[in-house]
ModelCIF file with pLDDT and N, C-alpha, C, O atoms, coordinates in Angstrom:
data_MODEL
#
_entry.id   MODEL 
#
_entity.id                         1 
_entity.type                       polymer 
_entity.pdbx_number_of_molecules   1 
#
_entity_poly.entity_id                      1 
_entity_poly.type                           'polypeptide(L)' 
_entity_poly.nstd_linkage                   no 
_entity_poly.nstd_monomer                   no 
_entity_poly.pdbx_seq_one_letter_code       GKRPAEDAARLEDVARAFADFVDLKSPYTLGHSSGVAALAEASGRAA 
_entity_poly.pdbx_seq_one_letter_code_can   GKRPAEDAARLEDVARAFADFVDLKSPYTLGHSSGVAALAEASGRAA 
_entity_poly.pdbx_strand_id                 A 
#
loop_
_entity_poly_seq.entity_id 
_entity_poly_seq.num 
_entity_poly_seq.mon_id 
_entity_poly_seq.hetero 
1 1  GLY n 
1 2  LYS n 
1 3  ARG n 
1 4  PRO n 
1 5  ALA n 
1 6  GLU n 
1 7  ASP n 
1 8  ALA n 
1 9  ALA n 
1 10 ARG n 
1 11 LEU n 
1 12 GLU n 
1 13 ASP n 
1 14 VAL n 
1 15 ALA n 
1 16 ARG n 
1 17 ALA n 
1 18 PHE n 
1 19 ALA n 
1 20 ASP n 
1 21 PHE n 
1 22 VAL n 
1 23 ASP n 
1 24 LEU n 
1 25 LYS n 
1 26 SER n 
1 27 PRO n 
1 28 TYR n 
1 29 THR n 
1 30 LEU n 
1 31 GLY n 
1 32 HIS n 
1 33 SER n 
1 34 SER n 
1 35 GLY n 
1 36 VAL n 
1 37 ALA n 
1 38 ALA n 
1 39 LEU n 
1 40 ALA n 
1 41 GLU n 
1 42 ALA n 
1 43 SER n 
1 44 GLY n 
1 45 ARG n 
1 46 ALA n 
1 47 ALA n 
#
_struct_asym.id          A 
_struct_asym.entity_id   1 
#
loop_
_ma_qa_metric.id 
_ma_qa_metric.mode 
_ma_qa_metric.name 
_ma_qa_metric.software_group_id 
_ma_qa_metric.type 
1 global pLDDT . pLDDT 
2 local  pLDDT . pLDDT 
#
_ma_qa_metric_global.metric_id      1 
_ma_qa_metric_global.metric_value   94.13 
_ma_qa_metric_global.model_id       1 
_ma_qa_metric_global.ordinal_id     1 
#
loop_
_ma_qa_metric_local.label_asym_id 
_ma_qa_metric_local.label_comp_id 
_ma_qa_metric_local.label_seq_id 
_ma_qa_metric_local.metric_id 
_ma_qa_metric_local.metric_value 
_ma_qa_metric_local.model_id 
_ma_qa_metric_local.ordinal_id 
A GLY 1  2 87.00 1 1  
A LYS 2  2 75.00 1 2  
A ARG 3  2 82.00 1 3  
A PRO 4  2 84.00 1 4  
A ALA 5  2 85.00 1 5  
A GLU 6  2 86.00 1 6  
A ASP 7  2 85.00 1 7  
A ALA 8  2 82.00 1 8  
A ALA 9  2 83.00 1 9  
A ARG 10 2 89.00 1 10 
A LEU 11 2 94.00 1 11 
A GLU 12 2 94.00 1 12 
A ASP 13 2 94.00 1 13 
A VAL 14 2 96.00 1 14 
A ALA 15 2 97.00 1 15 
A ARG 16 2 97.00 1 16 
A ALA 17 2 97.00 1 17 
A PHE 18 2 97.00 1 18 
A ALA 19 2 98.00 1 19 
A ASP 20 2 98.00 1 20 
A PHE 21 2 98.00 1 21 
A VAL 22 2 98.00 1 22 
A ASP 23 2 98.00 1 23 
A LEU 24 2 98.00 1 24 
A LYS 25 2 97.00 1 25 
A SER 26 2 97.00 1 26 
A PRO 27 2 96.00 1 27 
A TYR 28 2 97.00 1 28 
A THR 29 2 97.00 1 29 
A LEU 30 2 97.00 1 30 
A GLY 31 2 97.00 1 31 
A HIS 32 2 98.00 1 32 
A SER 33 2 98.00 1 33 
A SER 34 2 97.00 1 34 
A GLY 35 2 97.00 1 35 
A VAL 36 2 98.00 1 36 
A ALA 37 2 98.00 1 37 
A ALA 38 2 97.00 1 38 
A LEU 39 2 98.00 1 39 
A ALA 40 2 98.00 1 40 
A GLU 41 2 98.00 1 41 
A ALA 42 2 97.00 1 42 
A SER 43 2 97.00 1 43 
A GLY 44 2 97.00 1 44 
A ARG 45 2 96.00 1 45 
A ALA 46 2 95.00 1 46 
A ALA 47 2 95.00 1 47 
#
loop_
_atom_site.group_PDB 
_atom_site.id 
_atom_site.type_symbol 
_atom_site.label_atom_id 
_atom_site.label_alt_id 
_atom_site.label_comp_id 
_atom_site.label_asym_id 
_atom_site.label_entity_id 
_atom_site.label_seq_id 
_atom_site.pdbx_PDB_ins_code 
_atom_site.Cartn_x 
_atom_site.Cartn_y 
_atom_site.Cartn_z 
_atom_site.occupancy 
_atom_site.B_iso_or_equiv 
_atom_site.pdbx_formal_charge 
_atom_site.auth_seq_id 
_atom_site.auth_comp_id 
_atom_site.auth_asym_id 
_atom_site.auth_atom_id 
_atom_site.pdbx_PDB_model_num 
ATOM 1   N N  . GLY A 1 1  ? 38.464 73.582 -11.859 1.00 87.00 ? 1  GLY A N  1 
ATOM 2   C CA . GLY A 1 1  ? 37.768 72.328 -12.108 1.00 87.00 ? 1  GLY A CA 1 
ATOM 3   C C  . GLY A 1 1  ? 37.951 71.266 -11.062 1.00 87.00 ? 1  GLY A C  1 
ATOM 4   O O  . GLY A 1 1  ? 37.227 70.270 -11.064 1.00 87.00 ? 1  GLY A O  1 
ATOM 5   N N  . LYS A 1 2  ? 38.912 71.451 -10.154 1.00 75.00 ? 2  LYS A N  1 
ATOM 6   C CA . LYS A 1 2  ? 39.144 70.466 -9.078  1.00 75.00 ? 2  LYS A CA 1 
ATOM 7   C C  . LYS A 1 2  ? 39.178 69.040 -9.628  1.00 75.00 ? 2  LYS A C  1 
ATOM 8   O O  . LYS A 1 2  ? 38.260 68.251 -9.406  1.00 75.00 ? 2  LYS A O  1 
ATOM 9   N N  . ARG A 1 3  ? 40.245 68.730 -10.341 1.00 82.00 ? 3  ARG A N  1 
ATOM 10  C CA . ARG A 1 3  ? 40.392 67.396 -10.925 1.00 82.00 ? 3  ARG A CA 1 
ATOM 11  C C  . ARG A 1 3  ? 40.238 66.304 -9.874  1.00 82.00 ? 3  ARG A C  1 
ATOM 12  O O  . ARG A 1 3  ? 40.716 66.462 -8.751  1.00 82.00 ? 3  ARG A O  1 
ATOM 13  N N  . PRO A 1 4  ? 39.585 65.209 -10.214 1.00 84.00 ? 4  PRO A N  1 
ATOM 14  C CA . PRO A 1 4  ? 39.464 64.115 -9.247  1.00 84.00 ? 4  PRO A CA 1 
ATOM 15  C C  . PRO A 1 4  ? 40.820 63.504 -8.938  1.00 84.00 ? 4  PRO A C  1 
ATOM 16  O O  . PRO A 1 4  ? 41.747 63.590 -9.744  1.00 84.00 ? 4  PRO A O  1 
ATOM 17  N N  . ALA A 1 5  ? 40.930 62.895 -7.781  1.00 85.00 ? 5  ALA A N  1 
ATOM 18  C CA . ALA A 1 5  ? 42.170 62.213 -7.410  1.00 85.00 ? 5  ALA A CA 1 
ATOM 19  C C  . ALA A 1 5  ? 42.469 61.113 -8.423  1.00 85.00 ? 5  ALA A C  1 
ATOM 20  O O  . ALA A 1 5  ? 41.559 60.478 -8.956  1.00 85.00 ? 5  ALA A O  1 
ATOM 21  N N  . GLU A 1 6  ? 43.746 60.901 -8.675  1.00 86.00 ? 6  GLU A N  1 
ATOM 22  C CA . GLU A 1 6  ? 44.162 59.909 -9.656  1.00 86.00 ? 6  GLU A CA 1 
ATOM 23  C C  . GLU A 1 6  ? 44.818 58.733 -8.959  1.00 86.00 ? 6  GLU A C  1 
ATOM 24  O O  . GLU A 1 6  ? 45.191 58.809 -7.788  1.00 86.00 ? 6  GLU A O  1 
ATOM 25  N N  . ASP A 1 7  ? 44.949 57.653 -9.697  1.00 85.00 ? 7  ASP A N  1 
ATOM 26  C CA . ASP A 1 7  ? 45.625 56.475 -9.167  1.00 85.00 ? 7  ASP A CA 1 
ATOM 27  C C  . ASP A 1 7  ? 47.062 56.831 -8.821  1.00 85.00 ? 7  ASP A C  1 
ATOM 28  O O  . ASP A 1 7  ? 47.733 57.519 -9.590  1.00 85.00 ? 7  ASP A O  1 
ATOM 29  N N  . ALA A 1 8  ? 47.536 56.374 -7.682  1.00 82.00 ? 8  ALA A N  1 
ATOM 30  C CA . ALA A 1 8  ? 48.889 56.705 -7.230  1.00 82.00 ? 8  ALA A CA 1 
ATOM 31  C C  . ALA A 1 8  ? 49.958 56.172 -8.169  1.00 82.00 ? 8  ALA A C  1 
ATOM 32  O O  . ALA A 1 8  ? 51.116 56.581 -8.077  1.00 82.00 ? 8  ALA A O  1 
ATOM 33  N N  . ALA A 1 9  ? 49.595 55.266 -9.070  1.00 83.00 ? 9  ALA A N  1 
ATOM 34  C CA . ALA A 1 9  ? 50.560 54.776 -10.047 1.00 83.00 ? 9  ALA A CA 1 
ATOM 35  C C  . ALA A 1 9  ? 51.080 55.921 -10.926 1.00 83.00 ? 9  ALA A C  1 
ATOM 36  O O  . ALA A 1 9  ? 52.170 55.827 -11.489 1.00 83.00 ? 9  ALA A O  1 
ATOM 37  N N  . ARG A 1 10 ? 50.291 57.008 -11.041 1.00 89.00 ? 10 ARG A N  1 
ATOM 38  C CA . ARG A 1 10 ? 50.740 58.166 -11.803 1.00 89.00 ? 10 ARG A CA 1 
ATOM 39  C C  . ARG A 1 10 ? 52.004 58.780 -11.202 1.00 89.00 ? 10 ARG A C  1 
ATOM 40  O O  . ARG A 1 10 ? 52.773 59.443 -11.896 1.00 89.00 ? 10 ARG A O  1 
ATOM 41  N N  . LEU A 1 11 ? 52.206 58.552 -9.911  1.00 94.00 ? 11 LEU A N  1 
ATOM 42  C CA . LEU A 1 11 ? 53.392 59.096 -9.268  1.00 94.00 ? 11 LEU A CA 1 
ATOM 43  C C  . LEU A 1 11 ? 54.660 58.594 -9.946  1.00 94.00 ? 11 LEU A C  1 
ATOM 44  O O  . LEU A 1 11 ? 55.670 59.297 -10.001 1.00 94.00 ? 11 LEU A O  1 
ATOM 45  N N  . GLU A 1 12 ? 54.596 57.381 -10.457 1.00 94.00 ? 12 GLU A N  1 
ATOM 46  C CA . GLU A 1 12 ? 55.760 56.805 -11.147 1.00 94.00 ? 12 GLU A CA 1 
ATOM 47  C C  . GLU A 1 12 ? 56.148 57.655 -12.356 1.00 94.00 ? 12 GLU A C  1 
ATOM 48  O O  . GLU A 1 12 ? 57.325 57.948 -12.566 1.00 94.00 ? 12 GLU A O  1 
ATOM 49  N N  . ASP A 1 13 ? 55.148 58.047 -13.149 1.00 94.00 ? 13 ASP A N  1 
ATOM 50  C CA . ASP A 1 13 ? 55.413 58.871 -14.332 1.00 94.00 ? 13 ASP A CA 1 
ATOM 51  C C  . ASP A 1 13 ? 55.981 60.225 -13.928 1.00 94.00 ? 13 ASP A C  1 
ATOM 52  O O  . ASP A 1 13 ? 56.921 60.724 -14.546 1.00 94.00 ? 13 ASP A O  1 
ATOM 53  N N  . VAL A 1 14 ? 55.405 60.814 -12.886 1.00 96.00 ? 14 VAL A N  1 
ATOM 54  C CA . VAL A 1 14 ? 55.859 62.121 -12.421 1.00 96.00 ? 14 VAL A CA 1 
ATOM 55  C C  . VAL A 1 14 ? 57.295 62.022 -11.915 1.00 96.00 ? 14 VAL A C  1 
ATOM 56  O O  . VAL A 1 14 ? 58.134 62.858 -12.250 1.00 96.00 ? 14 VAL A O  1 
ATOM 57  N N  . ALA A 1 15 ? 57.575 60.997 -11.107 1.00 97.00 ? 15 ALA A N  1 
ATOM 58  C CA . ALA A 1 15 ? 58.911 60.843 -10.539 1.00 97.00 ? 15 ALA A CA 1 
ATOM 59  C C  . ALA A 1 15 ? 59.953 60.614 -11.633 1.00 97.00 ? 15 ALA A C  1 
ATOM 60  O O  . ALA A 1 15 ? 61.055 61.158 -11.565 1.00 97.00 ? 15 ALA A O  1 
ATOM 61  N N  . ARG A 1 16 ? 59.614 59.822 -12.628 1.00 97.00 ? 16 ARG A N  1 
ATOM 62  C CA . ARG A 1 16 ? 60.569 59.566 -13.719 1.00 97.00 ? 16 ARG A CA 1 
ATOM 63  C C  . ARG A 1 16 ? 60.819 60.821 -14.544 1.00 97.00 ? 16 ARG A C  1 
ATOM 64  O O  . ARG A 1 16 ? 61.949 61.071 -14.964 1.00 97.00 ? 16 ARG A O  1 
ATOM 65  N N  . ALA A 1 17 ? 59.789 61.601 -14.776 1.00 97.00 ? 17 ALA A N  1 
ATOM 66  C CA . ALA A 1 17 ? 59.966 62.845 -15.525 1.00 97.00 ? 17 ALA A CA 1 
ATOM 67  C C  . ALA A 1 17 ? 60.882 63.799 -14.766 1.00 97.00 ? 17 ALA A C  1 
ATOM 68  O O  . ALA A 1 17 ? 61.773 64.406 -15.359 1.00 97.00 ? 17 ALA A O  1 
ATOM 69  N N  . PHE A 1 18 ? 60.669 63.935 -13.461 1.00 97.00 ? 18 PHE A N  1 
ATOM 70  C CA . PHE A 1 18 ? 61.506 64.851 -12.694 1.00 97.00 ? 18 PHE A CA 1 
ATOM 71  C C  . PHE A 1 18 ? 62.904 64.291 -12.460 1.00 97.00 ? 18 PHE A C  1 
ATOM 72  O O  . PHE A 1 18 ? 63.851 65.058 -12.285 1.00 97.00 ? 18 PHE A O  1 
ATOM 73  N N  . ALA A 1 19 ? 63.049 62.961 -12.453 1.00 98.00 ? 19 ALA A N  1 
ATOM 74  C CA . ALA A 1 19 ? 64.387 62.369 -12.391 1.00 98.00 ? 19 ALA A CA 1 
ATOM 75  C C  . ALA A 1 19 ? 65.199 62.783 -13.613 1.00 98.00 ? 19 ALA A C  1 
ATOM 76  O O  . ALA A 1 19 ? 66.373 63.135 -13.497 1.00 98.00 ? 19 ALA A O  1 
ATOM 77  N N  . ASP A 1 20 ? 64.572 62.738 -14.774 1.00 98.00 ? 20 ASP A N  1 
ATOM 78  C CA . ASP A 1 20 ? 65.273 63.134 -15.995 1.00 98.00 ? 20 ASP A CA 1 
ATOM 79  C C  . ASP A 1 20 ? 65.511 64.638 -16.032 1.00 98.00 ? 20 ASP A C  1 
ATOM 80  O O  . ASP A 1 20 ? 66.541 65.085 -16.536 1.00 98.00 ? 20 ASP A O  1 
ATOM 81  N N  . PHE A 1 21 ? 64.578 65.421 -15.509 1.00 98.00 ? 21 PHE A N  1 
ATOM 82  C CA . PHE A 1 21 ? 64.773 66.874 -15.369 1.00 98.00 ? 21 PHE A CA 1 
ATOM 83  C C  . PHE A 1 21 ? 66.060 67.154 -14.597 1.00 98.00 ? 21 PHE A C  1 
ATOM 84  O O  . PHE A 1 21 ? 66.843 68.022 -14.984 1.00 98.00 ? 21 PHE A O  1 
ATOM 85  N N  . VAL A 1 22 ? 66.279 66.423 -13.508 1.00 98.00 ? 22 VAL A N  1 
ATOM 86  C CA . VAL A 1 22 ? 67.482 66.607 -12.698 1.00 98.00 ? 22 VAL A CA 1 
ATOM 87  C C  . VAL A 1 22 ? 68.722 66.157 -13.450 1.00 98.00 ? 22 VAL A C  1 
ATOM 88  O O  . VAL A 1 22 ? 69.726 66.869 -13.474 1.00 98.00 ? 22 VAL A O  1 
ATOM 89  N N  . ASP A 1 23 ? 68.664 64.988 -14.060 1.00 98.00 ? 23 ASP A N  1 
ATOM 90  C CA . ASP A 1 23 ? 69.856 64.398 -14.654 1.00 98.00 ? 23 ASP A CA 1 
ATOM 91  C C  . ASP A 1 23 ? 70.343 65.132 -15.897 1.00 98.00 ? 23 ASP A C  1 
ATOM 92  O O  . ASP A 1 23 ? 71.501 64.980 -16.287 1.00 98.00 ? 23 ASP A O  1 
ATOM 93  N N  . LEU A 1 24 ? 69.474 65.929 -16.525 1.00 98.00 ? 24 LEU A N  1 
ATOM 94  C CA . LEU A 1 24 ? 69.902 66.755 -17.652 1.00 98.00 ? 24 LEU A CA 1 
ATOM 95  C C  . LEU A 1 24 ? 70.858 67.868 -17.210 1.00 98.00 ? 24 LEU A C  1 
ATOM 96  O O  . LEU A 1 24 ? 71.505 68.500 -18.045 1.00 98.00 ? 24 LEU A O  1 
ATOM 97  N N  . LYS A 1 25 ? 70.943 68.102 -15.923 1.00 97.00 ? 25 LYS A N  1 
ATOM 98  C CA . LYS A 1 25 ? 71.763 69.184 -15.375 1.00 97.00 ? 25 LYS A CA 1 
ATOM 99  C C  . LYS A 1 25 ? 73.224 69.076 -15.812 1.00 97.00 ? 25 LYS A C  1 
ATOM 100 O O  . LYS A 1 25 ? 73.893 70.090 -16.012 1.00 97.00 ? 25 LYS A O  1 
ATOM 101 N N  . SER A 1 26 ? 73.713 67.852 -15.958 1.00 97.00 ? 26 SER A N  1 
ATOM 102 C CA . SER A 1 26 ? 75.112 67.638 -16.335 1.00 97.00 ? 26 SER A CA 1 
ATOM 103 C C  . SER A 1 26 ? 75.219 66.422 -17.243 1.00 97.00 ? 26 SER A C  1 
ATOM 104 O O  . SER A 1 26 ? 74.513 65.437 -17.027 1.00 97.00 ? 26 SER A O  1 
ATOM 105 N N  . PRO A 1 27 ? 76.086 66.465 -18.255 1.00 96.00 ? 27 PRO A N  1 
ATOM 106 C CA . PRO A 1 27 ? 76.284 65.274 -19.090 1.00 96.00 ? 27 PRO A CA 1 
ATOM 107 C C  . PRO A 1 27 ? 76.778 64.076 -18.300 1.00 96.00 ? 27 PRO A C  1 
ATOM 108 O O  . PRO A 1 27 ? 76.606 62.933 -18.724 1.00 96.00 ? 27 PRO A O  1 
ATOM 109 N N  . TYR A 1 28 ? 77.394 64.335 -17.151 1.00 97.00 ? 28 TYR A N  1 
ATOM 110 C CA . TYR A 1 28 ? 77.936 63.239 -16.347 1.00 97.00 ? 28 TYR A CA 1 
ATOM 111 C C  . TYR A 1 28 ? 76.861 62.477 -15.572 1.00 97.00 ? 28 TYR A C  1 
ATOM 112 O O  . TYR A 1 28 ? 77.116 61.376 -15.085 1.00 97.00 ? 28 TYR A O  1 
ATOM 113 N N  . THR A 1 29 ? 75.674 63.046 -15.455 1.00 97.00 ? 29 THR A N  1 
ATOM 114 C CA . THR A 1 29 ? 74.642 62.398 -14.642 1.00 97.00 ? 29 THR A CA 1 
ATOM 115 C C  . THR A 1 29 ? 73.451 61.898 -15.459 1.00 97.00 ? 29 THR A C  1 
ATOM 116 O O  . THR A 1 29 ? 72.431 61.517 -14.885 1.00 97.00 ? 29 THR A O  1 
ATOM 117 N N  . LEU A 1 30 ? 73.562 61.893 -16.776 1.00 97.00 ? 30 LEU A N  1 
ATOM 118 C CA . LEU A 1 30 ? 72.446 61.416 -17.593 1.00 97.00 ? 30 LEU A CA 1 
ATOM 119 C C  . LEU A 1 30 ? 72.101 59.977 -17.217 1.00 97.00 ? 30 LEU A C  1 
ATOM 120 O O  . LEU A 1 30 ? 72.955 59.092 -17.279 1.00 97.00 ? 30 LEU A O  1 
ATOM 121 N N  . GLY A 1 31 ? 70.856 59.750 -16.830 1.00 97.00 ? 31 GLY A N  1 
ATOM 122 C CA . GLY A 1 31 ? 70.404 58.409 -16.471 1.00 97.00 ? 31 GLY A CA 1 
ATOM 123 C C  . GLY A 1 31 ? 70.764 57.977 -15.064 1.00 97.00 ? 31 GLY A C  1 
ATOM 124 O O  . GLY A 1 31 ? 70.466 56.850 -14.668 1.00 97.00 ? 31 GLY A O  1 
ATOM 125 N N  . HIS A 1 32 ? 71.404 58.862 -14.295 1.00 98.00 ? 32 HIS A N  1 
ATOM 126 C CA . HIS A 1 32 ? 71.843 58.456 -12.952 1.00 98.00 ? 32 HIS A CA 1 
ATOM 127 C C  . HIS A 1 32 ? 70.666 58.117 -12.044 1.00 98.00 ? 32 HIS A C  1 
ATOM 128 O O  . HIS A 1 32 ? 70.678 57.070 -11.396 1.00 98.00 ? 32 HIS A O  1 
ATOM 129 N N  . SER A 1 33 ? 69.659 58.972 -11.985 1.00 98.00 ? 33 SER A N  1 
ATOM 130 C CA . SER A 1 33 ? 68.560 58.754 -11.038 1.00 98.00 ? 33 SER A CA 1 
ATOM 131 C C  . SER A 1 33 ? 67.767 57.500 -11.354 1.00 98.00 ? 33 SER A C  1 
ATOM 132 O O  . SER A 1 33 ? 67.432 56.734 -10.451 1.00 98.00 ? 33 SER A O  1 
ATOM 133 N N  . SER A 1 34 ? 67.464 57.283 -12.624 1.00 97.00 ? 34 SER A N  1 
ATOM 134 C CA . SER A 1 34 ? 66.721 56.063 -12.977 1.00 97.00 ? 34 SER A CA 1 
ATOM 135 C C  . SER A 1 34 ? 67.575 54.830 -12.740 1.00 97.00 ? 34 SER A C  1 
ATOM 136 O O  . SER A 1 34 ? 67.050 53.774 -12.386 1.00 97.00 ? 34 SER A O  1 
ATOM 137 N N  . GLY A 1 35 ? 68.889 54.948 -12.930 1.00 97.00 ? 35 GLY A N  1 
ATOM 138 C CA . GLY A 1 35 ? 69.772 53.812 -12.652 1.00 97.00 ? 35 GLY A CA 1 
ATOM 139 C C  . GLY A 1 35 ? 69.825 53.486 -11.175 1.00 97.00 ? 35 GLY A C  1 
ATOM 140 O O  . GLY A 1 35 ? 69.773 52.318 -10.791 1.00 97.00 ? 35 GLY A O  1 
ATOM 141 N N  . VAL A 1 36 ? 69.930 54.513 -10.342 1.00 98.00 ? 36 VAL A N  1 
ATOM 142 C CA . VAL A 1 36 ? 69.929 54.297 -8.885  1.00 98.00 ? 36 VAL A CA 1 
ATOM 143 C C  . VAL A 1 36 ? 68.599 53.700 -8.439  1.00 98.00 ? 36 VAL A C  1 
ATOM 144 O O  . VAL A 1 36 ? 68.565 52.810 -7.590  1.00 98.00 ? 36 VAL A O  1 
ATOM 145 N N  . ALA A 1 37 ? 67.502 54.197 -9.018  1.00 98.00 ? 37 ALA A N  1 
ATOM 146 C CA . ALA A 1 37 ? 66.176 53.694 -8.640  1.00 98.00 ? 37 ALA A CA 1 
ATOM 147 C C  . ALA A 1 37 ? 66.037 52.207 -8.927  1.00 98.00 ? 37 ALA A C  1 
ATOM 148 O O  . ALA A 1 37 ? 65.572 51.443 -8.081  1.00 98.00 ? 37 ALA A O  1 
ATOM 149 N N  . ALA A 1 38 ? 66.446 51.799 -10.132 1.00 97.00 ? 38 ALA A N  1 
ATOM 150 C CA . ALA A 1 38 ? 66.341 50.380 -10.496 1.00 97.00 ? 38 ALA A CA 1 
ATOM 151 C C  . ALA A 1 38 ? 67.224 49.519 -9.599  1.00 97.00 ? 38 ALA A C  1 
ATOM 152 O O  . ALA A 1 38 ? 66.817 48.445 -9.157  1.00 97.00 ? 38 ALA A O  1 
ATOM 153 N N  . LEU A 1 39 ? 68.436 50.002 -9.337  1.00 98.00 ? 39 LEU A N  1 
ATOM 154 C CA . LEU A 1 39 ? 69.356 49.228 -8.506  1.00 98.00 ? 39 LEU A CA 1 
ATOM 155 C C  . LEU A 1 39 ? 68.871 49.161 -7.059  1.00 98.00 ? 39 LEU A C  1 
ATOM 156 O O  . LEU A 1 39 ? 68.965 48.110 -6.426  1.00 98.00 ? 39 LEU A O  1 
ATOM 157 N N  . ALA A 1 40 ? 68.357 50.264 -6.533  1.00 98.00 ? 40 ALA A N  1 
ATOM 158 C CA . ALA A 1 40 ? 67.875 50.268 -5.150  1.00 98.00 ? 40 ALA A CA 1 
ATOM 159 C C  . ALA A 1 40 ? 66.688 49.329 -4.982  1.00 98.00 ? 40 ALA A C  1 
ATOM 160 O O  . ALA A 1 40 ? 66.606 48.596 -3.997  1.00 98.00 ? 40 ALA A O  1 
ATOM 161 N N  . GLU A 1 41 ? 65.769 49.351 -5.946  1.00 98.00 ? 41 GLU A N  1 
ATOM 162 C CA . GLU A 1 41 ? 64.613 48.456 -5.870  1.00 98.00 ? 41 GLU A CA 1 
ATOM 163 C C  . GLU A 1 41 ? 65.050 46.996 -5.907  1.00 98.00 ? 41 GLU A C  1 
ATOM 164 O O  . GLU A 1 41 ? 64.590 46.188 -5.100  1.00 98.00 ? 41 GLU A O  1 
ATOM 165 N N  . ALA A 1 42 ? 65.939 46.656 -6.842  1.00 97.00 ? 42 ALA A N  1 
ATOM 166 C CA . ALA A 1 42 ? 66.418 45.272 -6.937  1.00 97.00 ? 42 ALA A CA 1 
ATOM 167 C C  . ALA A 1 42 ? 67.186 44.874 -5.683  1.00 97.00 ? 42 ALA A C  1 
ATOM 168 O O  . ALA A 1 42 ? 67.117 43.726 -5.245  1.00 97.00 ? 42 ALA A O  1 
ATOM 169 N N  . SER A 1 43 ? 67.912 45.818 -5.110  1.00 97.00 ? 43 SER A N  1 
ATOM 170 C CA . SER A 1 43 ? 68.671 45.533 -3.889  1.00 97.00 ? 43 SER A CA 1 
ATOM 171 C C  . SER A 1 43 ? 67.738 45.289 -2.713  1.00 97.00 ? 43 SER A C  1 
ATOM 172 O O  . SER A 1 43 ? 68.001 44.435 -1.867  1.00 97.00 ? 43 SER A O  1 
ATOM 173 N N  . GLY A 1 44 ? 66.639 46.051 -2.665  1.00 97.00 ? 44 GLY A N  1 
ATOM 174 C CA . GLY A 1 44 ? 65.652 45.819 -1.619  1.00 97.00 ? 44 GLY A CA 1 
ATOM 175 C C  . GLY A 1 44 ? 65.094 44.411 -1.680  1.00 97.00 ? 44 GLY A C  1 
ATOM 176 O O  . GLY A 1 44 ? 64.908 43.764 -0.649  1.00 97.00 ? 44 GLY A O  1 
ATOM 177 N N  . ARG A 1 45 ? 64.827 43.938 -2.890  1.00 96.00 ? 45 ARG A N  1 
ATOM 178 C CA . ARG A 1 45 ? 64.314 42.576 -3.044  1.00 96.00 ? 45 ARG A CA 1 
ATOM 179 C C  . ARG A 1 45 ? 65.388 41.556 -2.646  1.00 96.00 ? 45 ARG A C  1 
ATOM 180 O O  . ARG A 1 45 ? 65.097 40.547 -2.002  1.00 96.00 ? 45 ARG A O  1 
ATOM 181 N N  . ALA A 1 46 ? 66.636 41.842 -3.044  1.00 95.00 ? 46 ALA A N  1 
ATOM 182 C CA . ALA A 1 46 ? 67.716 40.928 -2.676  1.00 95.00 ? 46 ALA A CA 1 
ATOM 183 C C  . ALA A 1 46 ? 67.885 40.856 -1.160  1.00 95.00 ? 46 ALA A C  1 
ATOM 184 O O  . ALA A 1 46 ? 68.310 39.832 -0.624  1.00 95.00 ? 46 ALA A O  1 
ATOM 185 N N  . ALA A 1 47 ? 67.549 41.947 -0.474  1.00 95.00 ? 47 ALA A N  1 
ATOM 186 C CA . ALA A 1 47 ? 67.657 41.983 0.988   1.00 95.00 ? 47 ALA A CA 1 
ATOM 187 C C  . ALA A 1 47 ? 66.419 41.422 1.675   1.00 95.00 ? 47 ALA A C  1 
ATOM 188 O O  . ALA A 1 47 ? 66.359 41.385 2.904   1.00 95.00 ? 47 ALA A O  1 
#
């Protein structure tokens, strides 16, 4: 069907889903990727 291109904002949903896919690997890393993402973004603004 060759789906039409989608808004790049969808990348956010995809990235968050795969971040959680990774973090489920160990109980010690639950929420690590989303936490780093939020902190890195806020740090970029602070800089």
